[in-house]
Amino acid sequence: MNIFACIKQVPDTTTRIKLRGDGNGIDEADIQWIISPHDELAIEEALRLREQQPDSVVTVLSAGPERVTDSLRMALAMGADSAMRLDLPGDADSSMNARALAAAIGKLGSADIVFTGKEAIDDGAAAVGQVLAVLLDMPCVTVVNGINYADGAITCRRDVGGGSIEVIETQLPAVVAAQVGLNEPRYATALNIIRAKKKPVDTLTADELGVTEANRKTRLKNFELPPPKQPCQIIEGAPADQAKELIHVLTSEIQAI
């Protein structure tokens, strides 16, 4: 099988975000970058499927600037066979990224299955998988937390809330967007990380992919940081006194609105 995993590099959740001076983006100077967690699920599922299917190959793709190479090497350290960076701006939107990924897959050979994460944790757009499926003319199943594989078909499970489970069967090739619970991503060992640094990561330019600014559908501007949290108020005393004081405080705040 020809298996693809599409990933995005995002700021680490522990990173303290600062804005650029013009307010039209984040300051990337001191950011620690990671693979978006849902995309780690996509890599892991691709690797597990390869283990079930002899003679399969896992290729990992990511669109972005040169820094994205580090995340691709981490995917190689996890066990991917090859990796390719699609040279797009760091602020490329879902439309640009999906078009680049579709063009790259077309150049690399027909895909039997394409894994993505259900969304990236930086913008939460949850759009690349669906747009990619349209461009590749494949069925798409999103928010997947369980897959059974059969000959030329897959059966996917989705938790849709309220204790309900949705089961969807589709023929391959298909695009599958991974949700938490699908698997537990493996850790890359120190030795494999060292080995991955020596492996090639090829690059396709935007011109080679046929992607231009005309493909951009959205542009983000006027970024604002959330307001700082108000300091909490500690109510001292016995439980009964605390309860009375809490009611008094809440009543005062309601009356002040």
Protein backbone atom coordinates (compact mmCIF):
# COMPACT_ATOMS: atom_id res chain seq x y z
CA MET A 1 0.00 0.00 0.00
CA ASN A 2 1.00 3.58 -0.66
CA ILE A 3 0.25 5.28 2.67
CA PHE A 4 0.49 9.03 3.27
CA ALA A 5 0.39 11.00 6.52
CA CYS A 6 -0.06 14.78 6.31
CA ILE A 7 1.15 16.76 9.31
CA LYS A 8 1.41 20.36 10.46
CA GLN A 9 4.05 21.97 12.63
CA VAL A 10 2.56 24.11 15.43
CA PRO A 11 3.80 25.99 18.51
CA ASP A 12 4.23 23.86 21.61
CA THR A 13 1.28 24.26 23.98
CA THR A 14 3.69 25.42 26.71
CA THR A 15 5.02 28.27 24.54
CA ARG A 16 4.32 31.79 25.77
CA ILE A 17 2.87 33.45 22.69
CA LYS A 18 3.94 37.00 21.81
CA LEU A 19 2.58 39.08 18.96
CA ARG A 20 4.50 40.83 16.22
CA GLY A 21 4.75 44.59 16.39
CA ASP A 22 2.23 45.08 13.58
CA GLY A 23 -0.32 42.82 15.32
CA ASN A 24 -0.77 40.70 12.19
CA GLY A 25 0.82 37.49 13.46
CA ILE A 26 2.79 35.88 16.25
CA ASP A 27 6.45 36.52 17.00
CA GLU A 28 8.21 33.25 16.14
CA ALA A 29 11.58 34.19 17.65
CA ASP A 30 11.46 32.00 20.78
CA ILE A 31 8.84 29.42 19.84
CA GLN A 32 9.37 25.70 20.37
CA TRP A 33 7.73 23.87 17.45
CA ILE A 34 6.10 20.43 17.60
CA ILE A 35 3.98 18.13 15.44
CA SER A 36 0.32 18.90 16.05
CA PRO A 37 -0.88 16.15 18.46
CA HIS A 38 -3.71 14.92 16.23
CA ASP A 39 -1.20 14.58 13.40
CA GLU A 40 0.96 12.34 15.59
CA LEU A 41 -2.08 10.03 15.67
CA ALA A 42 -2.09 10.10 11.86
CA ILE A 43 1.58 9.08 11.72
CA GLU A 44 1.05 6.28 14.22
CA GLU A 45 -1.96 4.90 12.36
CA ALA A 46 -0.01 4.95 9.10
CA LEU A 47 2.82 3.01 10.74
CA ARG A 48 0.43 0.45 12.26
CA LEU A 49 -1.25 -0.10 8.90
CA ARG A 50 2.15 -0.65 7.28
CA GLU A 51 2.87 -3.33 9.87
CA GLN A 52 -0.33 -5.11 8.81
CA GLN A 53 0.29 -4.75 5.08
CA PRO A 54 3.61 -6.15 3.78
CA ASP A 55 5.46 -4.10 1.16
CA SER A 56 3.67 -0.89 2.21
CA VAL A 57 5.41 2.48 2.31
CA VAL A 58 4.66 5.42 4.62
CA THR A 59 5.38 8.90 3.28
CA VAL A 60 4.96 11.94 5.52
CA LEU A 61 4.20 15.35 4.02
CA SER A 62 4.14 18.80 5.58
CA ALA A 63 3.69 22.28 4.09
CA GLY A 64 5.64 25.19 5.51
CA PRO A 65 8.99 26.98 5.73
CA GLU A 66 12.39 25.40 6.39
CA ARG A 67 11.71 24.90 10.11
CA VAL A 68 9.11 22.25 9.22
CA THR A 69 12.00 19.91 8.35
CA ASP A 70 12.56 19.29 12.08
CA SER A 71 9.03 17.88 12.48
CA LEU A 72 9.44 15.76 9.36
CA ARG A 73 12.64 14.29 10.80
CA MET A 74 10.74 13.46 13.98
CA ALA A 75 8.22 11.57 11.84
CA LEU A 76 11.13 9.69 10.25
CA ALA A 77 12.43 8.90 13.73
CA MET A 78 9.01 7.46 14.61
CA GLY A 79 9.39 5.08 11.65
CA ALA A 80 8.17 6.74 8.44
CA ASP A 81 9.94 5.60 5.27
CA SER A 82 10.30 9.01 3.63
CA ALA A 83 9.38 12.65 4.18
CA MET A 84 8.84 15.67 1.98
CA ARG A 85 8.47 19.37 2.76
CA LEU A 86 6.22 21.51 0.60
CA ASP A 87 7.76 25.00 0.58
CA LEU A 88 4.87 27.30 1.51
CA PRO A 89 4.69 30.36 3.79
CA GLY A 90 4.15 29.69 7.46
CA ASP A 91 0.84 31.56 7.32
CA ALA A 92 -0.56 29.62 4.36
CA ASP A 93 -4.24 28.87 4.91
CA SER A 94 -6.09 25.56 4.69
CA SER A 95 -6.82 26.01 0.99
CA MET A 96 -3.16 26.56 0.06
CA ASN A 97 -1.96 23.72 2.26
CA ALA A 98 -4.53 21.25 0.94
CA ARG A 99 -3.74 22.13 -2.69
CA ALA A 100 -0.04 21.68 -2.05
CA LEU A 101 -0.59 18.31 -0.36
CA ALA A 102 -2.85 17.09 -3.16
CA ALA A 103 -0.35 18.14 -5.81
CA ALA A 104 2.51 16.45 -3.96
CA ILE A 105 0.58 13.19 -3.59
CA GLY A 106 -0.19 13.34 -7.30
CA LYS A 107 3.51 13.67 -8.08
CA LEU A 108 4.56 10.90 -5.70
CA GLY A 109 2.09 8.30 -6.93
CA SER A 110 -1.46 7.24 -6.30
CA ALA A 111 -2.41 6.97 -2.63
CA ASP A 112 -4.22 3.98 -1.15
CA ILE A 113 -5.02 5.91 2.03
CA VAL A 114 -4.21 9.36 3.40
CA PHE A 115 -4.16 10.10 7.12
CA THR A 116 -4.44 13.57 8.65
CA GLY A 117 -5.25 14.89 12.10
CA LYS A 118 -8.81 16.07 12.68
CA GLU A 119 -7.48 19.61 13.20
CA ALA A 120 -4.31 21.52 14.00
CA ILE A 121 -4.12 22.92 17.52
CA ASP A 122 -2.97 26.37 16.39
CA ASP A 123 -5.90 27.50 14.23
CA GLY A 124 -8.41 24.70 14.84
CA ALA A 125 -9.72 25.10 11.28
CA ALA A 126 -10.33 21.35 10.77
CA ALA A 127 -10.52 21.94 7.02
CA VAL A 128 -7.41 20.53 5.34
CA GLY A 129 -8.54 16.89 5.39
CA GLN A 130 -11.90 17.64 3.78
CA VAL A 131 -10.47 19.98 1.13
CA LEU A 132 -7.70 17.48 0.39
CA ALA A 133 -10.28 14.73 -0.12
CA VAL A 134 -12.20 16.89 -2.60
CA LEU A 135 -9.05 17.68 -4.55
CA LEU A 136 -8.03 14.00 -4.61
CA ASP A 137 -11.59 12.91 -5.44
CA MET A 138 -11.66 10.55 -2.44
CA PRO A 139 -14.22 9.89 0.30
CA CYS A 140 -13.33 11.48 3.64
CA VAL A 141 -14.11 10.33 7.18
CA THR A 142 -13.32 12.80 9.96
CA VAL A 143 -12.98 12.67 13.76
CA VAL A 144 -12.15 8.96 13.60
CA ASN A 145 -11.20 7.13 16.79
CA GLY A 146 -11.39 3.56 15.55
CA ILE A 147 -10.66 1.79 12.25
CA ASN A 148 -11.11 -1.78 11.04
CA TYR A 149 -9.30 -2.64 7.83
CA ALA A 150 -10.60 -5.04 5.19
CA ASP A 151 -9.62 -5.84 1.62
CA GLY A 152 -10.00 -2.53 -0.22
CA ALA A 153 -12.27 -0.97 2.42
CA ILE A 154 -12.27 0.47 5.93
CA THR A 155 -14.89 0.73 8.67
CA CYS A 156 -14.44 3.83 10.85
CA ARG A 157 -15.92 4.60 14.25
CA ARG A 158 -16.73 8.12 15.44
CA ASP A 159 -18.00 9.28 18.83
CA VAL A 160 -20.71 11.82 18.00
CA GLY A 161 -21.69 12.79 21.55
CA GLY A 162 -24.33 11.74 24.02
CA GLY A 163 -22.91 8.24 24.16
CA SER A 164 -23.72 7.66 20.49
CA ILE A 165 -21.26 6.05 18.07
CA GLU A 166 -21.36 6.50 14.32
CA VAL A 167 -19.97 3.75 12.08
CA ILE A 168 -19.00 4.57 8.51
CA GLU A 169 -17.75 2.12 5.89
CA THR A 170 -16.03 3.31 2.73
CA GLN A 171 -13.95 1.93 -0.08
CA LEU A 172 -10.30 2.83 -0.48
CA PRO A 173 -8.61 5.07 -1.42
CA ALA A 174 -9.86 7.50 1.24
CA VAL A 175 -8.80 10.35 3.51
CA VAL A 176 -9.07 9.67 7.26
CA ALA A 177 -8.82 12.44 9.88
CA ALA A 178 -7.67 11.08 13.25
CA GLN A 179 -9.20 11.92 16.62
CA VAL A 180 -7.88 11.29 20.13
CA GLY A 181 -8.48 7.65 21.08
CA LEU A 182 -7.55 6.21 17.70
CA ASN A 183 -4.19 5.04 19.03
CA GLU A 184 -1.29 5.94 21.30
CA PRO A 185 1.58 7.46 19.28
CA ARG A 186 4.94 5.80 19.82
CA TYR A 187 7.95 7.69 21.11
CA ALA A 188 10.94 8.18 18.86
CA THR A 189 14.04 6.71 20.50
CA ALA A 190 17.19 8.78 20.87
CA LEU A 191 19.00 6.47 18.43
CA ASN A 192 16.25 6.82 15.81
CA ILE A 193 16.28 10.61 16.22
CA ILE A 194 20.02 10.61 15.50
CA ARG A 195 19.53 8.35 12.49
CA ALA A 196 16.70 10.53 11.17
CA LYS A 197 19.03 13.54 11.06
CA LYS A 198 21.02 11.76 8.34
CA LYS A 199 18.01 10.86 6.21
CA PRO A 200 17.10 13.08 3.25
CA VAL A 201 14.04 15.31 3.37
CA ASP A 202 13.13 16.35 -0.15
CA THR A 203 11.44 19.66 -0.96
CA LEU A 204 8.90 20.68 -3.56
CA THR A 205 8.55 24.39 -4.28
CA ALA A 206 5.26 26.22 -4.60
CA ASP A 207 5.94 26.65 -8.32
CA GLU A 208 6.44 22.90 -8.75
CA LEU A 209 3.19 22.32 -6.90
CA GLY A 210 1.29 24.94 -8.86
CA VAL A 211 0.27 26.79 -5.69
CA THR A 212 0.16 30.60 -5.60
CA GLU A 213 -1.25 33.36 -3.41
CA ALA A 214 -4.33 33.24 -5.61
CA ASN A 215 -5.19 29.95 -3.90
CA ARG A 216 -5.36 31.66 -0.50
CA LYS A 217 -8.95 32.02 0.74
CA THR A 218 -8.35 33.54 4.18
CA ARG A 219 -5.85 35.89 5.78
CA LEU A 220 -5.60 36.50 9.51
CA LYS A 221 -4.85 39.95 10.91
CA ASN A 222 -5.37 42.12 13.98
CA PHE A 223 -4.26 39.45 16.47
CA GLU A 224 -5.03 40.09 20.13
CA LEU A 225 -3.89 38.22 23.22
CA PRO A 226 -6.64 37.15 25.63
CA PRO A 227 -7.09 39.53 28.57
CA PRO A 228 -5.12 38.60 31.68
CA LYS A 229 -6.98 36.55 34.27
CA GLN A 230 -8.32 38.49 37.22
CA PRO A 231 -6.75 37.57 40.55
CA CYS A 232 -8.85 35.16 42.58
CA GLN A 233 -10.38 36.13 45.92
CA ILE A 234 -9.78 33.84 48.89
CA ILE A 235 -12.64 33.64 51.37
CA GLU A 236 -11.48 32.78 54.88
CA GLY A 237 -13.42 31.39 57.83
CA ALA A 238 -15.64 28.48 58.71
CA PRO A 239 -17.56 26.75 55.87
CA ALA A 240 -20.85 28.36 56.85
CA ASP A 241 -19.26 31.83 56.95
CA GLN A 242 -17.52 31.18 53.63
CA ALA A 243 -20.84 30.22 52.02
CA LYS A 244 -22.53 33.41 53.26
CA GLU A 245 -19.63 35.56 52.08
CA LEU A 246 -19.60 33.84 48.68
CA ILE A 247 -23.31 34.56 48.23
CA HIS A 248 -22.69 38.18 49.20
CA VAL A 249 -19.80 38.53 46.73
CA LEU A 250 -21.72 36.94 43.85
CA THR A 251 -24.81 39.05 44.58
CA SER A 252 -22.70 42.22 44.59
CA GLU A 253 -21.13 41.30 41.25
CA ILE A 254 -24.53 40.61 39.66
CA GLN A 255 -25.91 43.93 40.90
CA ALA A 256 -22.84 45.71 39.48
CA ILE A 257 -23.49 44.38 35.95
